[in-house]
């Protein structure tokens, strides 16, 4: 199936907006309600509610070990929930059969922490993994599409035949992003995408995400602790503490919160230095 055909398939899969929702009202493409996730006796999330709106970059923050990545994996169906509902594109994922779930999965792209590339495969082969799983394409078309994705994320074309050990940290991140975009997804999940990058590389990656959001119409769910990403790239921020989402909104909402964790995170010395830097950038 050609890329154009896949785009048409995505349009056919997408449900029309509900009749009672105004056309200009943001659509929640992911809706989580009363979610509980536990591993044995350890409760990770309890009573968690969250909406992810179409076309936004949502930054998801929280303390270390609080379950940020667990929420991503639960939405993706990789972690079993104890209670609650998860709706994606208006469909309760618990009601989907195997074929319906495969159709849904094609509308996701995922970039795991540290890239999670297959070490024995070349970059081109890594990008082709989801294509081979979900599509029936000729080898020539697979190669052509992989090179398109490579170019899309700003990697040199000669990186296609390199293995991950031959790449820099920034190139690994971009290769992992290219794989996440392999099936022309509507929602992309990014797990700590700028972790381990130097400030210049992290800023360039943020700019890339923002550009892709605009050009491809992506919705981005980004788990991050990077204050620069939260300040520069995210339309809204959701904060996880006390086993639930305690605040959702733009940066101003986080700064105005009286919750102790949010005050410590966004009111600390490093955060305030970043805010001051941002104010200087806007006034220059």
Foldseek 3Di string as FASTA:
>chain_A
DALVVLVVVVVVPQDDDDPPDDPPDWDFQKWWAQWWAADVPRTLAGGATDTFTFLFAEEEEEDPPSQPVVVVCVLLVNGDTPDTFMHGSRHTPVPDDPVRSLSVVLQEFEQEPLRPFDQVAALLVSLCVVVVVNHDDDPVSSSVLSQVLCVLLPHDSVSRGHGPVPDDSLSSLSSSVSSSCSSLHQEYEAEASCPPPDPVSSVSNLVSVQVCSVVSSHRYYYHHLDLCSLQPRGQKYWYDDPNYTPDIGHPVRLCPDPPVVSCCSCVPPVNVVVVVVVVVVVVD
